[in-house]
Amino acid sequence: MADLKERRQKRLRRKRRVRKKVFGTSDRPRLSVYRSNAQIYAQLIDDIDGHTLAAASSNDSEKRGEFAELEKTEQAVEVGKLLAQRAREKGIEKAVFDRNGFIYHGRVAAVADGAREAGLQF
């Protein structure tokens, strides 16, 4: 149990260190990624107003059936594409990537790759 708390504390420490430099505006929002064991979540955040501009997750109601058939990394790519599509609908073309303290590898990197494929720039 202590190991789990220690890992979480280390991630939160990394998160604070990253968030000192990464800041989202309405023109260039922050793409924040959260990875749990079962799901992956991504959202575009305007830090000035404190609003979420667009969000997508592997638990999204409109795509849940499609995501159930895919592996976790493939789900992450699709979440990135879905988020980029929703961002383009709102006129957002650029973002700042926030890995949220997670290592830029695996599913976190897959979200970024999917968003880039769909046209979001960062």
N, C-alpha and C. Protein backbone atom coordinates (compact mmCIF):
# COMPACT_ATOMS: atom_id res chain seq x y z
N MET A 1 0.81 -1.19 0.00
CA MET A 1 0.00 0.00 0.00
C MET A 1 0.86 1.26 0.00
N ALA A 2 1.97 1.20 0.73
CA ALA A 2 2.85 2.36 0.79
C ALA A 2 3.45 2.64 -0.59
N ASP A 3 3.71 1.56 -1.34
CA ASP A 3 4.28 1.71 -2.67
C ASP A 3 3.31 2.46 -3.59
N LEU A 4 2.02 2.14 -3.48
CA LEU A 4 1.01 2.80 -4.30
C LEU A 4 0.93 4.29 -3.97
N LYS A 5 0.94 4.63 -2.70
CA LYS A 5 0.91 6.04 -2.30
C LYS A 5 2.16 6.77 -2.78
N GLU A 6 3.29 6.09 -2.68
CA GLU A 6 4.55 6.71 -3.10
C GLU A 6 4.56 6.98 -4.61
N ARG A 7 4.07 6.02 -5.40
CA ARG A 7 4.01 6.21 -6.85
C ARG A 7 3.09 7.37 -7.20
N ARG A 8 1.94 7.46 -6.51
CA ARG A 8 1.00 8.55 -6.78
C ARG A 8 1.63 9.90 -6.41
N GLN A 9 2.34 9.95 -5.29
CA GLN A 9 2.98 11.19 -4.87
C GLN A 9 4.05 11.62 -5.87
N LYS A 10 4.80 10.65 -6.40
CA LYS A 10 5.81 10.98 -7.40
C LYS A 10 5.19 11.54 -8.66
N ARG A 11 4.05 10.94 -9.10
CA ARG A 11 3.37 11.44 -10.28
C ARG A 11 2.86 12.85 -10.06
N LEU A 12 2.30 13.11 -8.89
CA LEU A 12 1.78 14.45 -8.60
C LEU A 12 2.91 15.47 -8.51
N ARG A 13 4.07 15.06 -8.03
CA ARG A 13 5.23 15.94 -8.00
C ARG A 13 5.67 16.29 -9.43
N ARG A 14 5.70 15.28 -10.30
CA ARG A 14 6.04 15.53 -11.71
C ARG A 14 4.99 16.43 -12.35
N LYS A 15 3.72 16.21 -12.00
CA LYS A 15 2.64 17.02 -12.55
C LYS A 15 2.82 18.49 -12.20
N ARG A 16 3.13 18.76 -10.94
CA ARG A 16 3.34 20.16 -10.51
C ARG A 16 4.51 20.78 -11.25
N ARG A 17 5.55 20.01 -11.46
CA ARG A 17 6.74 20.52 -12.16
C ARG A 17 6.40 20.87 -13.61
N VAL A 18 5.61 20.03 -14.27
CA VAL A 18 5.22 20.28 -15.65
C VAL A 18 4.28 21.47 -15.72
N ARG A 19 3.34 21.55 -14.79
CA ARG A 19 2.31 22.60 -14.83
C ARG A 19 2.87 23.99 -14.55
N LYS A 20 4.09 24.08 -14.02
CA LYS A 20 4.71 25.40 -13.86
C LYS A 20 4.92 26.07 -15.20
N LYS A 21 5.17 25.25 -16.23
CA LYS A 21 5.52 25.79 -17.54
C LYS A 21 4.38 25.70 -18.55
N VAL A 22 3.51 24.72 -18.42
CA VAL A 22 2.45 24.48 -19.40
C VAL A 22 1.20 25.22 -18.97
N PHE A 23 0.71 26.10 -19.87
CA PHE A 23 -0.45 26.92 -19.56
C PHE A 23 -1.31 27.03 -20.81
N GLY A 24 -2.61 26.85 -20.67
CA GLY A 24 -3.50 26.89 -21.82
C GLY A 24 -4.31 28.16 -21.88
N THR A 25 -4.52 28.66 -23.09
CA THR A 25 -5.36 29.83 -23.33
C THR A 25 -6.52 29.41 -24.23
N SER A 26 -7.41 30.33 -24.51
CA SER A 26 -8.53 29.99 -25.39
C SER A 26 -8.04 29.76 -26.82
N ASP A 27 -6.98 30.45 -27.24
CA ASP A 27 -6.42 30.26 -28.58
C ASP A 27 -5.63 28.96 -28.68
N ARG A 28 -4.92 28.64 -27.62
CA ARG A 28 -4.07 27.45 -27.58
C ARG A 28 -4.28 26.74 -26.25
N PRO A 29 -5.34 25.93 -26.14
CA PRO A 29 -5.66 25.30 -24.86
C PRO A 29 -4.68 24.18 -24.50
N ARG A 30 -4.75 23.78 -23.26
CA ARG A 30 -3.90 22.71 -22.73
C ARG A 30 -4.60 21.37 -22.95
N LEU A 31 -3.92 20.44 -23.62
CA LEU A 31 -4.46 19.10 -23.82
C LEU A 31 -3.96 18.24 -22.67
N SER A 32 -4.83 18.00 -21.72
CA SER A 32 -4.48 17.24 -20.52
C SER A 32 -4.93 15.79 -20.69
N VAL A 33 -4.03 14.85 -20.36
CA VAL A 33 -4.31 13.43 -20.49
C VAL A 33 -4.25 12.78 -19.12
N TYR A 34 -5.26 11.97 -18.81
CA TYR A 34 -5.24 11.17 -17.58
C TYR A 34 -5.40 9.71 -17.96
N ARG A 35 -4.54 8.87 -17.40
CA ARG A 35 -4.53 7.45 -17.71
C ARG A 35 -4.81 6.67 -16.44
N SER A 36 -5.92 5.93 -16.44
CA SER A 36 -6.18 5.01 -15.34
C SER A 36 -5.85 3.61 -15.84
N ASN A 37 -6.02 2.61 -15.01
CA ASN A 37 -5.72 1.25 -15.45
C ASN A 37 -6.66 0.81 -16.57
N ALA A 38 -7.91 1.21 -16.51
CA ALA A 38 -8.90 0.73 -17.47
C ALA A 38 -9.23 1.72 -18.57
N GLN A 39 -9.16 3.01 -18.30
CA GLN A 39 -9.63 4.03 -19.25
C GLN A 39 -8.55 5.06 -19.52
N ILE A 40 -8.79 5.87 -20.53
CA ILE A 40 -7.93 7.02 -20.82
C ILE A 40 -8.84 8.21 -21.11
N TYR A 41 -8.47 9.37 -20.56
CA TYR A 41 -9.27 10.58 -20.68
C TYR A 41 -8.39 11.69 -21.21
N ALA A 42 -8.98 12.55 -22.05
CA ALA A 42 -8.25 13.71 -22.58
C ALA A 42 -9.21 14.87 -22.66
N GLN A 43 -8.71 16.06 -22.35
CA GLN A 43 -9.55 17.24 -22.45
C GLN A 43 -8.71 18.46 -22.80
N LEU A 44 -9.35 19.40 -23.47
CA LEU A 44 -8.73 20.68 -23.81
C LEU A 44 -9.23 21.71 -22.81
N ILE A 45 -8.28 22.36 -22.12
CA ILE A 45 -8.63 23.25 -21.02
C ILE A 45 -8.11 24.65 -21.28
N ASP A 46 -8.97 25.64 -21.07
CA ASP A 46 -8.59 27.05 -21.09
C ASP A 46 -8.31 27.44 -19.64
N ASP A 47 -7.04 27.60 -19.29
CA ASP A 47 -6.67 27.89 -17.90
C ASP A 47 -7.01 29.31 -17.47
N ILE A 48 -7.16 30.22 -18.40
CA ILE A 48 -7.49 31.60 -18.04
C ILE A 48 -8.91 31.66 -17.47
N ASP A 49 -9.86 31.06 -18.19
CA ASP A 49 -11.25 31.06 -17.74
C ASP A 49 -11.57 29.86 -16.85
N GLY A 50 -10.72 28.83 -16.87
CA GLY A 50 -10.97 27.64 -16.08
C GLY A 50 -12.07 26.77 -16.66
N HIS A 51 -12.16 26.71 -18.00
CA HIS A 51 -13.21 25.94 -18.67
C HIS A 51 -12.61 24.82 -19.49
N THR A 52 -13.34 23.71 -19.56
CA THR A 52 -13.00 22.63 -20.47
C THR A 52 -13.68 22.92 -21.79
N LEU A 53 -12.90 23.01 -22.86
CA LEU A 53 -13.42 23.36 -24.17
C LEU A 53 -13.89 22.13 -24.94
N ALA A 54 -13.21 21.01 -24.79
CA ALA A 54 -13.59 19.76 -25.45
C ALA A 54 -13.02 18.61 -24.63
N ALA A 55 -13.70 17.48 -24.67
CA ALA A 55 -13.24 16.32 -23.91
C ALA A 55 -13.58 15.05 -24.67
N ALA A 56 -12.79 14.01 -24.42
CA ALA A 56 -13.05 12.69 -24.99
C ALA A 56 -12.43 11.65 -24.05
N SER A 57 -13.02 10.48 -24.05
CA SER A 57 -12.47 9.40 -23.23
C SER A 57 -12.81 8.06 -23.85
N SER A 58 -12.15 7.02 -23.37
CA SER A 58 -12.44 5.67 -23.86
C SER A 58 -13.76 5.18 -23.28
N ASN A 59 -14.33 5.93 -22.36
CA ASN A 59 -15.61 5.60 -21.74
C ASN A 59 -16.72 6.48 -22.32
N ASP A 60 -16.47 7.12 -23.44
CA ASP A 60 -17.41 8.04 -24.06
C ASP A 60 -18.66 7.28 -24.52
N SER A 61 -19.83 7.81 -24.23
CA SER A 61 -21.07 7.09 -24.49
C SER A 61 -21.32 6.82 -25.97
N GLU A 62 -20.95 7.74 -26.85
CA GLU A 62 -21.25 7.54 -28.27
C GLU A 62 -20.29 6.58 -28.96
N LYS A 63 -19.13 6.32 -28.37
CA LYS A 63 -18.14 5.44 -29.01
C LYS A 63 -17.83 4.20 -28.17
N ARG A 64 -18.54 3.98 -27.09
CA ARG A 64 -18.21 2.90 -26.15
C ARG A 64 -18.18 1.54 -26.82
N GLY A 65 -19.11 1.26 -27.72
CA GLY A 65 -19.15 -0.04 -28.40
C GLY A 65 -17.93 -0.27 -29.27
N GLU A 66 -17.50 0.78 -29.96
CA GLU A 66 -16.31 0.66 -30.81
C GLU A 66 -15.04 0.47 -29.98
N PHE A 67 -14.95 1.18 -28.86
CA PHE A 67 -13.76 1.10 -28.03
C PHE A 67 -13.63 -0.24 -27.33
N ALA A 68 -14.74 -0.92 -27.07
CA ALA A 68 -14.70 -2.19 -26.35
C ALA A 68 -13.95 -3.26 -27.14
N GLU A 69 -13.96 -3.15 -28.45
CA GLU A 69 -13.31 -4.15 -29.29
C GLU A 69 -11.81 -3.91 -29.45
N LEU A 70 -11.32 -2.73 -29.08
CA LEU A 70 -9.92 -2.37 -29.31
C LEU A 70 -9.05 -2.61 -28.08
N GLU A 71 -7.75 -2.72 -28.33
CA GLU A 71 -6.79 -2.78 -27.22
C GLU A 71 -6.63 -1.38 -26.64
N LYS A 72 -6.02 -1.29 -25.46
CA LYS A 72 -5.93 -0.01 -24.76
C LYS A 72 -5.16 1.04 -25.55
N THR A 73 -4.07 0.65 -26.19
CA THR A 73 -3.28 1.62 -26.96
C THR A 73 -4.06 2.10 -28.18
N GLU A 74 -4.79 1.20 -28.82
CA GLU A 74 -5.62 1.59 -29.96
C GLU A 74 -6.76 2.50 -29.51
N GLN A 75 -7.31 2.23 -28.31
CA GLN A 75 -8.34 3.10 -27.76
C GLN A 75 -7.78 4.51 -27.57
N ALA A 76 -6.54 4.59 -27.08
CA ALA A 76 -5.92 5.89 -26.83
C ALA A 76 -5.77 6.69 -28.13
N VAL A 77 -5.39 6.02 -29.20
CA VAL A 77 -5.26 6.69 -30.50
C VAL A 77 -6.62 7.24 -30.93
N GLU A 78 -7.65 6.43 -30.78
CA GLU A 78 -9.00 6.85 -31.17
C GLU A 78 -9.51 8.00 -30.30
N VAL A 79 -9.16 8.00 -29.01
CA VAL A 79 -9.54 9.10 -28.13
C VAL A 79 -8.88 10.39 -28.59
N GLY A 80 -7.61 10.31 -28.99
CA GLY A 80 -6.91 11.49 -29.51
C GLY A 80 -7.57 12.01 -30.78
N LYS A 81 -7.96 11.11 -31.67
CA LYS A 81 -8.63 11.52 -32.90
C LYS A 81 -9.99 12.16 -32.61
N LEU A 82 -10.73 11.56 -31.68
CA LEU A 82 -12.05 12.09 -31.32
C LEU A 82 -11.93 13.47 -30.70
N LEU A 83 -10.94 13.65 -29.84
CA LEU A 83 -10.73 14.96 -29.22
C LEU A 83 -10.35 16.01 -30.26
N ALA A 84 -9.48 15.65 -31.18
CA ALA A 84 -9.08 16.59 -32.23
C ALA A 84 -10.26 16.96 -33.12
N GLN A 85 -11.12 16.00 -33.40
CA GLN A 85 -12.32 16.26 -34.21
C GLN A 85 -13.23 17.24 -33.48
N ARG A 86 -13.45 17.02 -32.20
CA ARG A 86 -14.29 17.93 -31.41
C ARG A 86 -13.66 19.31 -31.28
N ALA A 87 -12.34 19.36 -31.23
CA ALA A 87 -11.65 20.64 -31.15
C ALA A 87 -11.81 21.43 -32.45
N ARG A 88 -11.68 20.73 -33.58
CA ARG A 88 -11.83 21.39 -34.88
C ARG A 88 -13.25 21.94 -35.06
N GLU A 89 -14.24 21.24 -34.52
CA GLU A 89 -15.62 21.72 -34.61
C GLU A 89 -15.78 23.05 -33.86
N LYS A 90 -14.95 23.25 -32.84
CA LYS A 90 -15.01 24.49 -32.06
C LYS A 90 -13.99 25.52 -32.53
N GLY A 91 -13.29 25.21 -33.61
CA GLY A 91 -12.34 26.16 -34.19
C GLY A 91 -10.96 26.15 -33.54
N ILE A 92 -10.62 25.10 -32.85
CA ILE A 92 -9.31 24.99 -32.19
C ILE A 92 -8.40 24.15 -33.07
N GLU A 93 -7.25 24.70 -33.41
CA GLU A 93 -6.31 23.97 -34.26
C GLU A 93 -4.98 23.69 -33.58
N LYS A 94 -4.66 24.46 -32.53
CA LYS A 94 -3.39 24.29 -31.83
C LYS A 94 -3.65 24.06 -30.34
N ALA A 95 -2.75 23.32 -29.72
CA ALA A 95 -2.86 23.05 -28.29
C ALA A 95 -1.47 22.89 -27.69
N VAL A 96 -1.43 22.87 -26.37
CA VAL A 96 -0.20 22.61 -25.62
C VAL A 96 -0.41 21.28 -24.92
N PHE A 97 0.52 20.33 -25.06
CA PHE A 97 0.34 19.00 -24.50
C PHE A 97 0.77 18.96 -23.04
N ASP A 98 -0.11 18.42 -22.19
CA ASP A 98 0.16 18.24 -20.77
C ASP A 98 0.04 16.76 -20.46
N ARG A 99 1.16 16.12 -20.18
CA ARG A 99 1.15 14.68 -19.92
C ARG A 99 0.68 14.35 -18.51
N ASN A 100 0.44 15.38 -17.69
CA ASN A 100 -0.17 15.22 -16.38
C ASN A 100 0.67 14.39 -15.42
N GLY A 101 1.98 14.43 -15.58
CA GLY A 101 2.86 13.69 -14.68
C GLY A 101 3.14 12.27 -15.13
N PHE A 102 2.47 11.81 -16.17
CA PHE A 102 2.71 10.47 -16.70
C PHE A 102 3.89 10.51 -17.65
N ILE A 103 4.57 9.39 -17.79
CA ILE A 103 5.68 9.30 -18.72
C ILE A 103 5.13 9.35 -20.14
N TYR A 104 5.78 10.11 -21.02
CA TYR A 104 5.33 10.23 -22.41
C TYR A 104 5.71 8.96 -23.15
N HIS A 105 4.87 7.95 -23.00
CA HIS A 105 5.15 6.63 -23.55
C HIS A 105 3.84 5.85 -23.56
N GLY A 106 3.70 4.91 -24.44
CA GLY A 106 2.52 4.05 -24.43
C GLY A 106 1.23 4.77 -24.75
N ARG A 107 0.25 4.65 -23.87
CA ARG A 107 -1.07 5.21 -24.13
C ARG A 107 -1.08 6.74 -24.13
N VAL A 108 -0.24 7.36 -23.32
CA VAL A 108 -0.18 8.82 -23.28
C VAL A 108 0.34 9.34 -24.62
N ALA A 109 1.39 8.72 -25.13
CA ALA A 109 1.94 9.11 -26.43
C ALA A 109 0.96 8.77 -27.55
N ALA A 110 0.18 7.70 -27.38
CA ALA A 110 -0.79 7.30 -28.40
C ALA A 110 -1.90 8.34 -28.54
N VAL A 111 -2.32 8.95 -27.43
CA VAL A 111 -3.32 10.02 -27.49
C VAL A 111 -2.76 11.18 -28.31
N ALA A 112 -1.52 11.54 -28.04
CA ALA A 112 -0.88 12.64 -28.78
C ALA A 112 -0.78 12.31 -30.26
N ASP A 113 -0.39 11.09 -30.59
CA ASP A 113 -0.27 10.69 -31.99
C ASP A 113 -1.63 10.73 -32.70
N GLY A 114 -2.67 10.25 -32.02
CA GLY A 114 -4.01 10.28 -32.60
C GLY A 114 -4.49 11.69 -32.85
N ALA A 115 -4.22 12.59 -31.91
CA ALA A 115 -4.63 13.99 -32.06
C ALA A 115 -3.87 14.64 -33.22
N ARG A 116 -2.60 14.32 -33.35
CA ARG A 116 -1.80 14.86 -34.46
C ARG A 116 -2.32 14.34 -35.80
N GLU A 117 -2.65 13.04 -35.85
CA GLU A 117 -3.18 12.46 -37.08
C GLU A 117 -4.44 13.18 -37.54
N ALA A 118 -5.27 13.57 -36.57
CA ALA A 118 -6.54 14.20 -36.90
C ALA A 118 -6.41 15.71 -37.12
N GLY A 119 -5.20 16.24 -37.03
CA GLY A 119 -4.98 17.63 -37.42
C GLY A 119 -4.72 18.62 -36.30
N LEU A 120 -4.67 18.17 -35.05
CA LEU A 120 -4.38 19.09 -33.94
C LEU A 120 -2.87 19.28 -33.87
N GLN A 121 -2.42 20.52 -33.73
CA GLN A 121 -0.98 20.82 -33.72
C GLN A 121 -0.53 21.16 -32.31
N PHE A 122 0.60 20.58 -31.91
CA PHE A 122 1.27 20.94 -30.65
C PHE A 122 2.71 20.54 -30.68
